[in-house]
Amino acid sequence: MLLPLADGVTIQLGEHVWSFGLNFILYLVIAAIVGFLAEYIVGWRVPFGIIGSIIAAVIGIWLMTQVIQINGISINGHNDIDLFGVPLIRALIGSIIFVAIWHLLTAGIARRRPRRRYGAA
C-alpha cells in the first residue's frame, strides 16, 4: 500500500491561515542539518537548540547567497551542490561564519562567575 505524500502543512489559528509547502519544509530540514554541522565544526552551540541551528543556517544561507556572492566553488570540477535549491557548500560556509561571529560576540556574556563555597573548605 502506498501512502500519498502531502503537498505541505496548513495551520489555521482563528482567522489566520498559514500554508507551508513541501519545498519550505525541506529547506528547513536542510538548514537544520547544515546548522548542526556548522556548530560541530566551530565547536560551540548556538542558543535555543534546533531552532537556533535552523536560524543560524538560514542566516548563513542568506549571507553567502545574497550578501556575499562567491562564484567558482567546486568539488571535483562540479559546481556547488544544490539540494532543493540550497547551495550546500556556500550554506555551510555561511553558517560556520555566522556561528563563529555569534560565538565571538557572546563569549563574554556566556562565561559565568565561579561559585562561592560556603562552610568548611
PDB file of N, CA and C in Angstrom:
ATOM      1  N   MET A   1       0.844  -1.171   0.000  1.00  0.00           N
ATOM      2  CA  MET A   1       0.000   0.000   0.000  1.00  0.00           C
ATOM      3  C   MET A   1       0.897   1.244   0.000  1.00  0.00           C
ATOM      4  N   LEU A   2       0.668   2.140  -0.915  1.00  0.00           N
ATOM      5  CA  LEU A   2       1.424   3.374  -0.998  1.00  0.00           C
ATOM      6  C   LEU A   2       0.686   4.490  -0.274  1.00  0.00           C
ATOM      7  N   LEU A   3       1.424   5.224   0.520  1.00  0.00           N
ATOM      8  CA  LEU A   3       0.842   6.361   1.216  1.00  0.00           C
ATOM      9  C   LEU A   3       1.095   7.613   0.390  1.00  0.00           C
ATOM     10  N   PRO A   4       0.097   8.449   0.219  1.00  0.00           N
ATOM     11  CA  PRO A   4       0.311   9.679  -0.554  1.00  0.00           C
ATOM     12  C   PRO A   4       1.161  10.662   0.241  1.00  0.00           C
ATOM     13  N   LEU A   5       2.034  11.367  -0.444  1.00  0.00           N
ATOM     14  CA  LEU A   5       2.869  12.380   0.174  1.00  0.00           C
ATOM     15  C   LEU A   5       2.131  13.710   0.119  1.00  0.00           C
ATOM     16  N   ALA A   6       2.003  14.349   1.261  1.00  0.00           N
ATOM     17  CA  ALA A   6       1.256  15.603   1.327  1.00  0.00           C
ATOM     18  C   ALA A   6       2.029  16.709   0.614  1.00  0.00           C
ATOM     19  N   ASP A   7       1.301  17.681   0.096  1.00  0.00           N
ATOM     20  CA  ASP A   7       1.918  18.823  -0.568  1.00  0.00           C
ATOM     21  C   ASP A   7       2.472  19.828   0.429  1.00  0.00           C
ATOM     22  N   GLY A   8       2.079  19.724   1.668  1.00  0.00           N
ATOM     23  CA  GLY A   8       2.561  20.657   2.669  1.00  0.00           C
ATOM     24  C   GLY A   8       1.711  20.591   3.917  1.00  0.00           C
ATOM     25  N   VAL A   9       1.853  21.615   4.736  1.00  0.00           N
ATOM     26  CA  VAL A   9       1.146  21.695   6.005  1.00  0.00           C
ATOM     27  C   VAL A   9       0.387  23.011   6.035  1.00  0.00           C
ATOM     28  N   THR A  10      -0.859  22.948   6.474  1.00  0.00           N
ATOM     29  CA  THR A  10      -1.672  24.156   6.628  1.00  0.00           C
ATOM     30  C   THR A  10      -2.076  24.273   8.092  1.00  0.00           C
ATOM     31  N   ILE A  11      -1.829  25.438   8.670  1.00  0.00           N
ATOM     32  CA  ILE A  11      -2.163  25.693  10.068  1.00  0.00           C
ATOM     33  C   ILE A  11      -3.150  26.843  10.104  1.00  0.00           C
ATOM     34  N   GLN A  12      -4.252  26.646  10.844  1.00  0.00           N
ATOM     35  CA  GLN A  12      -5.254  27.698  10.965  1.00  0.00           C
ATOM     36  C   GLN A  12      -5.437  28.022  12.442  1.00  0.00           C
ATOM     37  N   LEU A  13      -5.209  29.281  12.782  1.00  0.00           N
ATOM     38  CA  LEU A  13      -5.438  29.783  14.133  1.00  0.00           C
ATOM     39  C   LEU A  13      -6.409  30.942  14.037  1.00  0.00           C
ATOM     40  N   GLY A  14      -7.641  30.694  14.408  1.00  0.00           N
ATOM     41  CA  GLY A  14      -8.668  31.723  14.263  1.00  0.00           C
ATOM     42  C   GLY A  14      -8.923  32.001  12.799  1.00  0.00           C
ATOM     43  N   GLU A  15      -8.780  33.272  12.406  1.00  0.00           N
ATOM     44  CA  GLU A  15      -8.983  33.626  11.013  1.00  0.00           C
ATOM     45  C   GLU A  15      -7.688  33.617  10.203  1.00  0.00           C
ATOM     46  N   HIS A  16      -6.569  33.332  10.867  1.00  0.00           N
ATOM     47  CA  HIS A  16      -5.269  33.333  10.194  1.00  0.00           C
ATOM     48  C   HIS A  16      -4.950  31.930   9.699  1.00  0.00           C
ATOM     49  N   VAL A  17      -4.537  31.820   8.442  1.00  0.00           N
ATOM     50  CA  VAL A  17      -4.190  30.541   7.842  1.00  0.00           C
ATOM     51  C   VAL A  17      -2.783  30.641   7.270  1.00  0.00           C
ATOM     52  N   TRP A  18      -1.914  29.695   7.676  1.00  0.00           N
ATOM     53  CA  TRP A  18      -0.546  29.626   7.161  1.00  0.00           C
ATOM     54  C   TRP A  18      -0.386  28.310   6.432  1.00  0.00           C
ATOM     55  N   SER A  19       0.172  28.380   5.239  1.00  0.00           N
ATOM     56  CA  SER A  19       0.450  27.179   4.455  1.00  0.00           C
ATOM     57  C   SER A  19       1.946  27.092   4.190  1.00  0.00           C
ATOM     58  N   PHE A  20       2.512  25.948   4.508  1.00  0.00           N
ATOM     59  CA  PHE A  20       3.922  25.691   4.276  1.00  0.00           C
ATOM     60  C   PHE A  20       4.026  24.547   3.288  1.00  0.00           C
ATOM     61  N   GLY A  21       4.612  24.826   2.136  1.00  0.00           N
ATOM     62  CA  GLY A  21       4.760  23.815   1.106  1.00  0.00           C
ATOM     63  C   GLY A  21       5.886  22.847   1.420  1.00  0.00           C
ATOM     64  N   LEU A  22       5.943  21.782   0.657  1.00  0.00           N
ATOM     65  CA  LEU A  22       6.964  20.764   0.855  1.00  0.00           C
ATOM     66  C   LEU A  22       8.360  21.338   0.639  1.00  0.00           C
ATOM     67  N   ASN A  23       8.502  22.264  -0.309  1.00  0.00           N
ATOM     68  CA  ASN A  23       9.821  22.854  -0.558  1.00  0.00           C
ATOM     69  C   ASN A  23      10.307  23.648   0.651  1.00  0.00           C
ATOM     70  N   PHE A  24       9.425  24.356   1.340  1.00  0.00           N
ATOM     71  CA  PHE A  24       9.801  25.117   2.530  1.00  0.00           C
ATOM     72  C   PHE A  24      10.194  24.183   3.670  1.00  0.00           C
ATOM     73  N   ILE A  25       9.461  23.097   3.830  1.00  0.00           N
ATOM     74  CA  ILE A  25       9.761  22.124   4.885  1.00  0.00           C
ATOM     75  C   ILE A  25      11.118  21.466   4.623  1.00  0.00           C
ATOM     76  N   LEU A  26      11.391  21.096   3.370  1.00  0.00           N
ATOM     77  CA  LEU A  26      12.686  20.519   3.026  1.00  0.00           C
ATOM     78  C   LEU A  26      13.815  21.531   3.215  1.00  0.00           C
ATOM     79  N   TYR A  27      13.563  22.788   2.911  1.00  0.00           N
ATOM     80  CA  TYR A  27      14.540  23.858   3.126  1.00  0.00           C
ATOM     81  C   TYR A  27      14.902  23.939   4.606  1.00  0.00           C
ATOM     82  N   LEU A  28      13.905  23.855   5.487  1.00  0.00           N
ATOM     83  CA  LEU A  28      14.172  23.917   6.922  1.00  0.00           C
ATOM     84  C   LEU A  28      14.922  22.684   7.413  1.00  0.00           C
ATOM     85  N   VAL A  29      14.617  21.512   6.854  1.00  0.00           N
ATOM     86  CA  VAL A  29      15.331  20.295   7.248  1.00  0.00           C
ATOM     87  C   VAL A  29      16.801  20.394   6.839  1.00  0.00           C
ATOM     88  N   ILE A  30      17.046  20.858   5.618  1.00  0.00           N
ATOM     89  CA  ILE A  30      18.424  21.043   5.151  1.00  0.00           C
ATOM     90  C   ILE A  30      19.124  22.098   5.998  1.00  0.00           C
ATOM     91  N   ALA A  31      18.426  23.167   6.349  1.00  0.00           N
ATOM     92  CA  ALA A  31      19.008  24.205   7.202  1.00  0.00           C
ATOM     93  C   ALA A  31      19.363  23.651   8.577  1.00  0.00           C
ATOM     94  N   ALA A  32      18.544  22.770   9.119  1.00  0.00           N
ATOM     95  CA  ALA A  32      18.841  22.164  10.422  1.00  0.00           C
ATOM     96  C   ALA A  32      20.110  21.317  10.343  1.00  0.00           C
ATOM     97  N   ILE A  33      20.248  20.534   9.287  1.00  0.00           N
ATOM     98  CA  ILE A  33      21.440  19.691   9.127  1.00  0.00           C
ATOM     99  C   ILE A  33      22.684  20.556   8.966  1.00  0.00           C
ATOM    100  N   VAL A  34      22.592  21.575   8.116  1.00  0.00           N
ATOM    101  CA  VAL A  34      23.734  22.480   7.903  1.00  0.00           C
ATOM    102  C   VAL A  34      24.059  23.225   9.194  1.00  0.00           C
ATOM    103  N   GLY A  35      23.057  23.637   9.946  1.00  0.00           N
ATOM    104  CA  GLY A  35      23.286  24.329  11.216  1.00  0.00           C
ATOM    105  C   GLY A  35      23.998  23.457  12.236  1.00  0.00           C
ATOM    106  N   PHE A  36      23.587  22.183  12.344  1.00  0.00           N
ATOM    107  CA  PHE A  36      24.263  21.274  13.266  1.00  0.00           C
ATOM    108  C   PHE A  36      25.705  21.017  12.827  1.00  0.00           C
ATOM    109  N   LEU A  37      25.943  20.878  11.519  1.00  0.00           N
ATOM    110  CA  LEU A  37      27.311  20.705  11.030  1.00  0.00           C
ATOM    111  C   LEU A  37      28.167  21.923  11.350  1.00  0.00           C
ATOM    112  N   ALA A  38      27.608  23.114  11.178  1.00  0.00           N
ATOM    113  CA  ALA A  38      28.354  24.341  11.487  1.00  0.00           C
ATOM    114  C   ALA A  38      28.685  24.407  12.971  1.00  0.00           C
ATOM    115  N   GLU A  39      27.745  24.044  13.834  1.00  0.00           N
ATOM    116  CA  GLU A  39      28.006  24.034  15.273  1.00  0.00           C
ATOM    117  C   GLU A  39      29.100  23.033  15.612  1.00  0.00           C
ATOM    118  N   TYR A  40      29.070  21.884  14.975  1.00  0.00           N
ATOM    119  CA  TYR A  40      30.075  20.857  15.235  1.00  0.00           C
ATOM    120  C   TYR A  40      31.456  21.322  14.792  1.00  0.00           C
ATOM    121  N   ILE A  41      31.539  21.949  13.627  1.00  0.00           N
ATOM    122  CA  ILE A  41      32.827  22.404  13.106  1.00  0.00           C
ATOM    123  C   ILE A  41      33.398  23.533  13.960  1.00  0.00           C
ATOM    124  N   VAL A  42      32.560  24.490  14.352  1.00  0.00           N
ATOM    125  CA  VAL A  42      33.025  25.610  15.172  1.00  0.00           C
ATOM    126  C   VAL A  42      33.321  25.141  16.596  1.00  0.00           C
ATOM    127  N   GLY A  43      32.596  24.151  17.072  1.00  0.00           N
ATOM    128  CA  GLY A  43      32.811  23.643  18.419  1.00  0.00           C
ATOM    129  C   GLY A  43      32.050  24.409  19.475  1.00  0.00           C
ATOM    130  N   TRP A  44      31.008  25.078  19.077  1.00  0.00           N
ATOM    131  CA  TRP A  44      30.205  25.863  20.008  1.00  0.00           C
ATOM    132  C   TRP A  44      28.759  25.821  19.556  1.00  0.00           C
ATOM    133  N   ARG A  45      27.838  25.728  20.477  1.00  0.00           N
ATOM    134  CA  ARG A  45      26.428  25.630  20.134  1.00  0.00           C
ATOM    135  C   ARG A  45      25.748  26.975  20.296  1.00  0.00           C
ATOM    136  N   VAL A  46      24.848  27.275  19.374  1.00  0.00           N
ATOM    137  CA  VAL A  46      24.059  28.499  19.477  1.00  0.00           C
ATOM    138  C   VAL A  46      22.906  28.255  20.445  1.00  0.00           C
ATOM    139  N   PRO A  47      22.349  29.312  21.020  1.00  0.00           N
ATOM    140  CA  PRO A  47      21.229  29.132  21.941  1.00  0.00           C
ATOM    141  C   PRO A  47      19.977  28.604  21.236  1.00  0.00           C
ATOM    142  N   PHE A  48      19.050  28.096  21.986  1.00  0.00           N
ATOM    143  CA  PHE A  48      17.730  27.637  21.555  1.00  0.00           C
ATOM    144  C   PHE A  48      17.748  26.325  20.784  1.00  0.00           C
ATOM    145  N   GLY A  49      18.799  25.535  20.892  1.00  0.00           N
ATOM    146  CA  GLY A  49      18.827  24.186  20.345  1.00  0.00           C
ATOM    147  C   GLY A  49      18.621  24.115  18.847  1.00  0.00           C
ATOM    148  N   ILE A  50      17.663  23.281  18.417  1.00  0.00           N
ATOM    149  CA  ILE A  50      17.438  23.056  16.992  1.00  0.00           C
ATOM    150  C   ILE A  50      16.908  24.308  16.298  1.00  0.00           C
ATOM    151  N   ILE A  51      16.107  25.090  17.005  1.00  0.00           N
ATOM    152  CA  ILE A  51      15.593  26.334  16.420  1.00  0.00           C
ATOM    153  C   ILE A  51      16.749  27.299  16.170  1.00  0.00           C
ATOM    154  N   GLY A  52      17.681  27.392  17.101  1.00  0.00           N
ATOM    155  CA  GLY A  52      18.852  28.237  16.916  1.00  0.00           C
ATOM    156  C   GLY A  52      19.726  27.765  15.762  1.00  0.00           C
ATOM    157  N   SER A  53      19.848  26.443  15.612  1.00  0.00           N
ATOM    158  CA  SER A  53      20.624  25.897  14.493  1.00  0.00           C
ATOM    159  C   SER A  53      19.992  26.249  13.162  1.00  0.00           C
ATOM    160  N   ILE A  54      18.672  26.128  13.091  1.00  0.00           N
ATOM    161  CA  ILE A  54      17.963  26.455  11.856  1.00  0.00           C
ATOM    162  C   ILE A  54      18.105  27.939  11.539  1.00  0.00           C
ATOM    163  N   ILE A  55      17.964  28.786  12.551  1.00  0.00           N
ATOM    164  CA  ILE A  55      18.102  30.229  12.336  1.00  0.00           C
ATOM    165  C   ILE A  55      19.516  30.573  11.886  1.00  0.00           C
ATOM    166  N   ALA A  56      20.522  29.964  12.521  1.00  0.00           N
ATOM    167  CA  ALA A  56      21.912  30.212  12.126  1.00  0.00           C
ATOM    168  C   ALA A  56      22.154  29.782  10.688  1.00  0.00           C
ATOM    169  N   ALA A  57      21.607  28.645  10.290  1.00  0.00           N
ATOM    170  CA  ALA A  57      21.796  28.169   8.922  1.00  0.00           C
ATOM    171  C   ALA A  57      21.061  29.033   7.915  1.00  0.00           C
ATOM    172  N   VAL A  58      19.849  29.449   8.236  1.00  0.00           N
ATOM    173  CA  VAL A  58      19.100  30.303   7.306  1.00  0.00           C
ATOM    174  C   VAL A  58      19.815  31.635   7.123  1.00  0.00           C
ATOM    175  N   ILE A  59      20.329  32.208   8.218  1.00  0.00           N
ATOM    176  CA  ILE A  59      21.081  33.458   8.106  1.00  0.00           C
ATOM    177  C   ILE A  59      22.379  33.222   7.335  1.00  0.00           C
ATOM    178  N   GLY A  60      23.028  32.082   7.573  1.00  0.00           N
ATOM    179  CA  GLY A  60      24.239  31.753   6.832  1.00  0.00           C
ATOM    180  C   GLY A  60      23.976  31.553   5.344  1.00  0.00           C
ATOM    181  N   ILE A  61      22.863  30.902   5.008  1.00  0.00           N
ATOM    182  CA  ILE A  61      22.493  30.728   3.603  1.00  0.00           C
ATOM    183  C   ILE A  61      22.235  32.085   2.963  1.00  0.00           C
ATOM    184  N   TRP A  62      21.512  32.932   3.656  1.00  0.00           N
ATOM    185  CA  TRP A  62      21.248  34.278   3.139  1.00  0.00           C
ATOM    186  C   TRP A  62      22.547  35.062   2.983  1.00  0.00           C
ATOM    187  N   LEU A  63      23.436  34.925   3.975  1.00  0.00           N
ATOM    188  CA  LEU A  63      24.703  35.647   3.947  1.00  0.00           C
ATOM    189  C   LEU A  63      25.536  35.278   2.725  1.00  0.00           C
ATOM    190  N   MET A  64      25.626  33.998   2.416  1.00  0.00           N
ATOM    191  CA  MET A  64      26.500  33.553   1.331  1.00  0.00           C
ATOM    192  C   MET A  64      25.841  33.534  -0.043  1.00  0.00           C
ATOM    193  N   THR A  65      24.536  33.691  -0.112  1.00  0.00           N
ATOM    194  CA  THR A  65      23.887  33.709  -1.427  1.00  0.00           C
ATOM    195  C   THR A  65      23.402  35.097  -1.828  1.00  0.00           C
ATOM    196  N   GLN A  66      23.109  35.958  -0.868  1.00  0.00           N
ATOM    197  CA  GLN A  66      22.575  37.284  -1.186  1.00  0.00           C
ATOM    198  C   GLN A  66      23.546  38.414  -0.870  1.00  0.00           C
ATOM    199  N   VAL A  67      24.270  38.317   0.242  1.00  0.00           N
ATOM    200  CA  VAL A  67      25.151  39.404   0.669  1.00  0.00           C
ATOM    201  C   VAL A  67      26.549  39.229   0.077  1.00  0.00           C
ATOM    202  N   ILE A  68      27.170  38.080   0.343  1.00  0.00           N
ATOM    203  CA  ILE A  68      28.499  37.775  -0.175  1.00  0.00           C
ATOM    204  C   ILE A  68      28.318  36.695  -1.237  1.00  0.00           C
ATOM    205  N   GLN A  69      28.554  37.041  -2.472  1.00  0.00           N
ATOM    206  CA  GLN A  69      28.365  36.065  -3.541  1.00  0.00           C
ATOM    207  C   GLN A  69      29.722  35.591  -4.032  1.00  0.00           C
ATOM    208  N   ILE A  70      30.009  34.336  -3.759  1.00  0.00           N
ATOM    209  CA  ILE A  70      31.266  33.721  -4.175  1.00  0.00           C
ATOM    210  C   ILE A  70      30.955  32.767  -5.319  1.00  0.00           C
ATOM    211  N   ASN A  71      31.614  32.976  -6.434  1.00  0.00           N
ATOM    212  CA  ASN A  71      31.454  32.082  -7.568  1.00  0.00           C
ATOM    213  C   ASN A  71      32.695  31.222  -7.694  1.00  0.00           C
ATOM    214  N   GLY A  72      32.543  30.092  -8.310  1.00  0.00           N
ATOM    215  CA  GLY A  72      33.682  29.230  -8.558  1.00  0.00           C
ATOM    216  C   GLY A  72      33.914  28.180  -7.501  1.00  0.00           C
ATOM    217  N   ILE A  73      32.994  28.001  -6.561  1.00  0.00           N
ATOM    218  CA  ILE A  73      33.139  26.933  -5.582  1.00  0.00           C
ATOM    219  C   ILE A  73      32.796  25.634  -6.298  1.00  0.00           C
ATOM    220  N   SER A  74      33.758  24.709  -6.314  1.00  0.00           N
ATOM    221  CA  SER A  74      33.503  23.443  -6.997  1.00  0.00           C
ATOM    222  C   SER A  74      34.212  22.312  -6.276  1.00  0.00           C
ATOM    223  N   ILE A  75      33.666  21.131  -6.445  1.00  0.00           N
ATOM    224  CA  ILE A  75      34.245  19.915  -5.895  1.00  0.00           C
ATOM    225  C   ILE A  75      34.434  18.954  -7.064  1.00  0.00           C
ATOM    226  N   ASN A  76      35.663  18.577  -7.334  1.00  0.00           N
ATOM    227  CA  ASN A  76      35.992  17.680  -8.447  1.00  0.00           C
ATOM    228  C   ASN A  76      35.446  18.191  -9.773  1.00  0.00           C
ATOM    229  N   GLY A  77      35.507  19.477  -9.980  1.00  0.00           N
ATOM    230  CA  GLY A  77      35.067  20.058 -11.240  1.00  0.00           C
ATOM    231  C   GLY A  77      33.577  20.316 -11.335  1.00  0.00           C
ATOM    232  N   HIS A  78      32.811  19.934 -10.314  1.00  0.00           N
ATOM    233  CA  HIS A  78      31.369  20.182 -10.312  1.00  0.00           C
ATOM    234  C   HIS A  78      31.088  21.428  -9.485  1.00  0.00           C
ATOM    235  N   ASN A  79      30.111  22.191  -9.917  1.00  0.00           N
ATOM    236  CA  ASN A  79      29.751  23.399  -9.175  1.00  0.00           C
ATOM    237  C   ASN A  79      29.155  23.031  -7.827  1.00  0.00           C
ATOM    238  N   ASP A  80      28.896  24.043  -7.027  1.00  0.00           N
ATOM    239  CA  ASP A  80      28.320  23.847  -5.699  1.00  0.00           C
ATOM    240  C   ASP A  80      27.079  22.967  -5.789  1.00  0.00           C
ATOM    241  N   ILE A  81      26.967  22.029  -4.902  1.00  0.00           N
ATOM    242  CA  ILE A  81      25.871  21.067  -4.913  1.00  0.00           C
ATOM    243  C   ILE A  81      24.595  21.755  -4.434  1.00  0.00           C
ATOM    244  N   ASP A  82      23.574  21.763  -5.275  1.00  0.00           N
ATOM    245  CA  ASP A  82      22.268  22.313  -4.893  1.00  0.00           C
ATOM    246  C   ASP A  82      21.345  21.166  -4.499  1.00  0.00           C
ATOM    247  N   LEU A  83      20.766  21.279  -3.324  1.00  0.00           N
ATOM    248  CA  LEU A  83      19.795  20.296  -2.861  1.00  0.00           C
ATOM    249  C   LEU A  83      18.508  21.041  -2.556  1.00  0.00           C
ATOM    250  N   PHE A  84      17.509  20.875  -3.397  1.00  0.00           N
ATOM    251  CA  PHE A  84      16.227  21.572  -3.295  1.00  0.00           C
ATOM    252  C   PHE A  84      16.411  23.084  -3.270  1.00  0.00           C
ATOM    253  N   GLY A  85      17.334  23.569  -4.076  1.00  0.00           N
ATOM    254  CA  GLY A  85      17.567  24.997  -4.198  1.00  0.00           C
ATOM    255  C   GLY A  85      18.507  25.587  -3.164  1.00  0.00           C
ATOM    256  N   VAL A  86      19.087  24.751  -2.304  1.00  0.00           N
ATOM    257  CA  VAL A  86      20.012  25.223  -1.279  1.00  0.00           C
ATOM    258  C   VAL A  86      21.437  24.851  -1.702  1.00  0.00           C
ATOM    259  N   PRO A  87      22.298  25.836  -1.957  1.00  0.00           N
ATOM    260  CA  PRO A  87      23.690  25.522  -2.281  1.00  0.00           C
ATOM    261  C   PRO A  87      24.417  25.070  -1.016  1.00  0.00           C
ATOM    262  N   LEU A  88      24.732  23.782  -0.930  1.00  0.00           N
ATOM    263  CA  LEU A  88      25.196  23.201   0.326  1.00  0.00           C
ATOM    264  C   LEU A  88      26.543  23.742   0.803  1.00  0.00           C
ATOM    265  N   ILE A  89      27.513  23.863  -0.078  1.00  0.00           N
ATOM    266  CA  ILE A  89      28.841  24.314   0.353  1.00  0.00           C
ATOM    267  C   ILE A  89      28.781  25.766   0.824  1.00  0.00           C
ATOM    268  N   ARG A  90      28.123  26.620   0.054  1.00  0.00           N
ATOM    269  CA  ARG A  90      28.016  28.022   0.465  1.00  0.00           C
ATOM    270  C   ARG A  90      27.170  28.161   1.728  1.00  0.00           C
ATOM    271  N   ALA A  91      26.143  27.319   1.864  1.00  0.00           N
ATOM    272  CA  ALA A  91      25.327  27.360   3.080  1.00  0.00           C
ATOM    273  C   ALA A  91      26.148  26.967   4.294  1.00  0.00           C
ATOM    274  N   LEU A  92      26.988  25.946   4.147  1.00  0.00           N
ATOM    275  CA  LEU A  92      27.821  25.515   5.265  1.00  0.00           C
ATOM    276  C   LEU A  92      28.850  26.580   5.619  1.00  0.00           C
ATOM    277  N   ILE A  93      29.478  27.190   4.618  1.00  0.00           N
ATOM    278  CA  ILE A  93      30.453  28.252   4.878  1.00  0.00           C
ATOM    279  C   ILE A  93      29.778  29.430   5.578  1.00  0.00           C
ATOM    280  N   GLY A  94      28.616  29.837   5.103  1.00  0.00           N
ATOM    281  CA  GLY A  94      27.895  30.949   5.725  1.00  0.00           C
ATOM    282  C   GLY A  94      27.463  30.638   7.140  1.00  0.00           C
ATOM    283  N   SER A  95      27.018  29.409   7.391  1.00  0.00           N
ATOM    284  CA  SER A  95      26.607  29.028   8.740  1.00  0.00           C
ATOM    285  C   SER A  95      27.794  29.005   9.688  1.00  0.00           C
ATOM    286  N   ILE A  96      28.933  28.504   9.202  1.00  0.00           N
ATOM    287  CA  ILE A  96      30.138  28.496  10.031  1.00  0.00           C
ATOM    288  C   ILE A  96      30.535  29.923  10.385  1.00  0.00           C
ATOM    289  N   ILE A  97      30.500  30.814   9.409  1.00  0.00           N
ATOM    290  CA  ILE A  97      30.837  32.219   9.665  1.00  0.00           C
ATOM    291  C   ILE A  97      29.880  32.821  10.683  1.00  0.00           C
ATOM    292  N   PHE A  98      28.577  32.568  10.529  1.00  0.00           N
ATOM    293  CA  PHE A  98      27.601  33.155  11.443  1.00  0.00           C
ATOM    294  C   PHE A  98      27.753  32.596  12.854  1.00  0.00           C
ATOM    295  N   VAL A  99      27.930  31.287  12.996  1.00  0.00           N
ATOM    296  CA  VAL A  99      28.082  30.695  14.325  1.00  0.00           C
ATOM    297  C   VAL A  99      29.364  31.209  14.985  1.00  0.00           C
ATOM    298  N   ALA A 100      30.444  31.351  14.208  1.00  0.00           N
ATOM    299  CA  ALA A 100      31.697  31.865  14.768  1.00  0.00           C
ATOM    300  C   ALA A 100      31.543  33.314  15.221  1.00  0.00           C
ATOM    301  N   ILE A 101      30.884  34.141  14.418  1.00  0.00           N
ATOM    302  CA  ILE A 101      30.655  35.540  14.808  1.00  0.00           C
ATOM    303  C   ILE A 101      29.774  35.607  16.044  1.00  0.00           C
ATOM    304  N   TRP A 102      28.728  34.779  16.082  1.00  0.00           N
ATOM    305  CA  TRP A 102      27.839  34.741  17.248  1.00  0.00           C
ATOM    306  C   TRP A 102      28.625  34.360  18.497  1.00  0.00           C
ATOM    307  N   HIS A 103      29.513  33.380  18.364  1.00  0.00           N
ATOM    308  CA  HIS A 103      30.331  32.955  19.497  1.00  0.00           C
ATOM    309  C   HIS A 103      31.264  34.071  19.958  1.00  0.00           C
ATOM    310  N   LEU A 104      31.895  34.774  19.012  1.00  0.00           N
ATOM    311  CA  LEU A 104      32.797  35.862  19.381  1.00  0.00           C
ATOM    312  C   LEU A 104      32.060  36.999  20.077  1.00  0.00           C
ATOM    313  N   LEU A 105      30.834  37.280  19.634  1.00  0.00           N
ATOM    314  CA  LEU A 105      30.069  38.372  20.234  1.00  0.00           C
ATOM    315  C   LEU A 105      29.518  38.022  21.607  1.00  0.00           C
ATOM    316  N   THR A 106      29.188  36.765  21.835  1.00  0.00           N
ATOM    317  CA  THR A 106      28.537  36.383  23.086  1.00  0.00           C
ATOM    318  C   THR A 106      29.437  35.601  24.030  1.00  0.00           C
ATOM    319  N   ALA A 107      30.713  35.432  23.709  1.00  0.00           N
ATOM    320  CA  ALA A 107      31.605  34.630  24.557  1.00  0.00           C
ATOM    321  C   ALA A 107      31.761  35.252  25.940  1.00  0.00           C
ATOM    322  N   GLY A 108      31.844  36.569  26.024  1.00  0.00           N
ATOM    323  CA  GLY A 108      31.992  37.221  27.326  1.00  0.00           C
ATOM    324  C   GLY A 108      30.735  37.138  28.165  1.00  0.00           C
ATOM    325  N   ILE A 109      29.601  37.123  27.530  1.00  0.00           N
ATOM    326  CA  ILE A 109      28.331  37.031  28.254  1.00  0.00           C
ATOM    327  C   ILE A 109      28.115  35.627  28.786  1.00  0.00           C
ATOM    328  N   ALA A 110      28.568  34.633  28.033  1.00  0.00           N
ATOM    329  CA  ALA A 110      28.304  33.244  28.394  1.00  0.00           C
ATOM    330  C   ALA A 110      29.157  32.769  29.562  1.00  0.00           C
ATOM    331  N   ARG A 111      30.290  33.422  29.815  1.00  0.00           N
ATOM    332  CA  ARG A 111      31.135  33.000  30.933  1.00  0.00           C
ATOM    333  C   ARG A 111      30.427  33.299  32.248  1.00  0.00           C
ATOM    334  N   ARG A 112      30.511  32.355  33.119  1.00  0.00           N
ATOM    335  CA  ARG A 112      29.865  32.538  34.419  1.00  0.00           C
ATOM    336  C   ARG A 112      30.918  32.784  35.490  1.00  0.00           C
ATOM    337  N   ARG A 113      30.497  33.465  36.517  1.00  0.00           N
ATOM    338  CA  ARG A 113      31.395  33.668  37.650  1.00  0.00           C
ATOM    339  C   ARG A 113      31.521  32.360  38.397  1.00  0.00           C
ATOM    340  N   PRO A 114      32.680  32.130  38.998  1.00  0.00           N
ATOM    341  CA  PRO A 114      32.839  30.895  39.771  1.00  0.00           C
ATOM    342  C   PRO A 114      31.941  30.923  41.000  1.00  0.00           C
ATOM    343  N   ARG A 115      31.434  29.770  41.366  1.00  0.00           N
ATOM    344  CA  ARG A 115      30.570  29.691  42.547  1.00  0.00           C
ATOM    345  C   ARG A 115      31.395  29.839  43.827  1.00  0.00           C
ATOM    346  N   ARG A 116      30.778  30.458  44.791  1.00  0.00           N
ATOM    347  CA  ARG A 116      31.447  30.608  46.087  1.00  0.00           C
ATOM    348  C   ARG A 116      31.089  29.404  46.941  1.00  0.00           C
ATOM    349  N   ARG A 117      32.051  28.980  47.706  1.00  0.00           N
ATOM    350  CA  ARG A 117      31.799  27.870  48.631  1.00  0.00           C
ATOM    351  C   ARG A 117      31.513  28.448  50.019  1.00  0.00           C
ATOM    352  N   TYR A 118      30.478  27.938  50.591  1.00  0.00           N
ATOM    353  CA  TYR A 118      30.143  28.342  51.966  1.00  0.00           C
ATOM    354  C   TYR A 118      30.428  27.177  52.889  1.00  0.00           C
ATOM    355  N   GLY A 119      30.855  27.483  54.062  1.00  0.00           N
ATOM    356  CA  GLY A 119      31.131  26.419  55.039  1.00  0.00           C
ATOM    357  C   GLY A 119      32.602  26.085  55.037  1.00  0.00           C
ATOM    358  N   ALA A 120      32.922  24.920  55.562  1.00  0.00           N
ATOM    359  CA  ALA A 120      34.312  24.479  55.685  1.00  0.00           C
ATOM    360  C   ALA A 120      34.871  24.153  54.308  1.00  0.00           C
ATOM    361  N   ALA A 121      36.104  24.575  54.071  1.00  0.00           N
ATOM    362  CA  ALA A 121      36.710  24.311  52.761  1.00  0.00           C
ATOM    363  C   ALA A 121      37.793  23.309  52.875  1.00  0.00           C
TER     364      ALA A 121
END
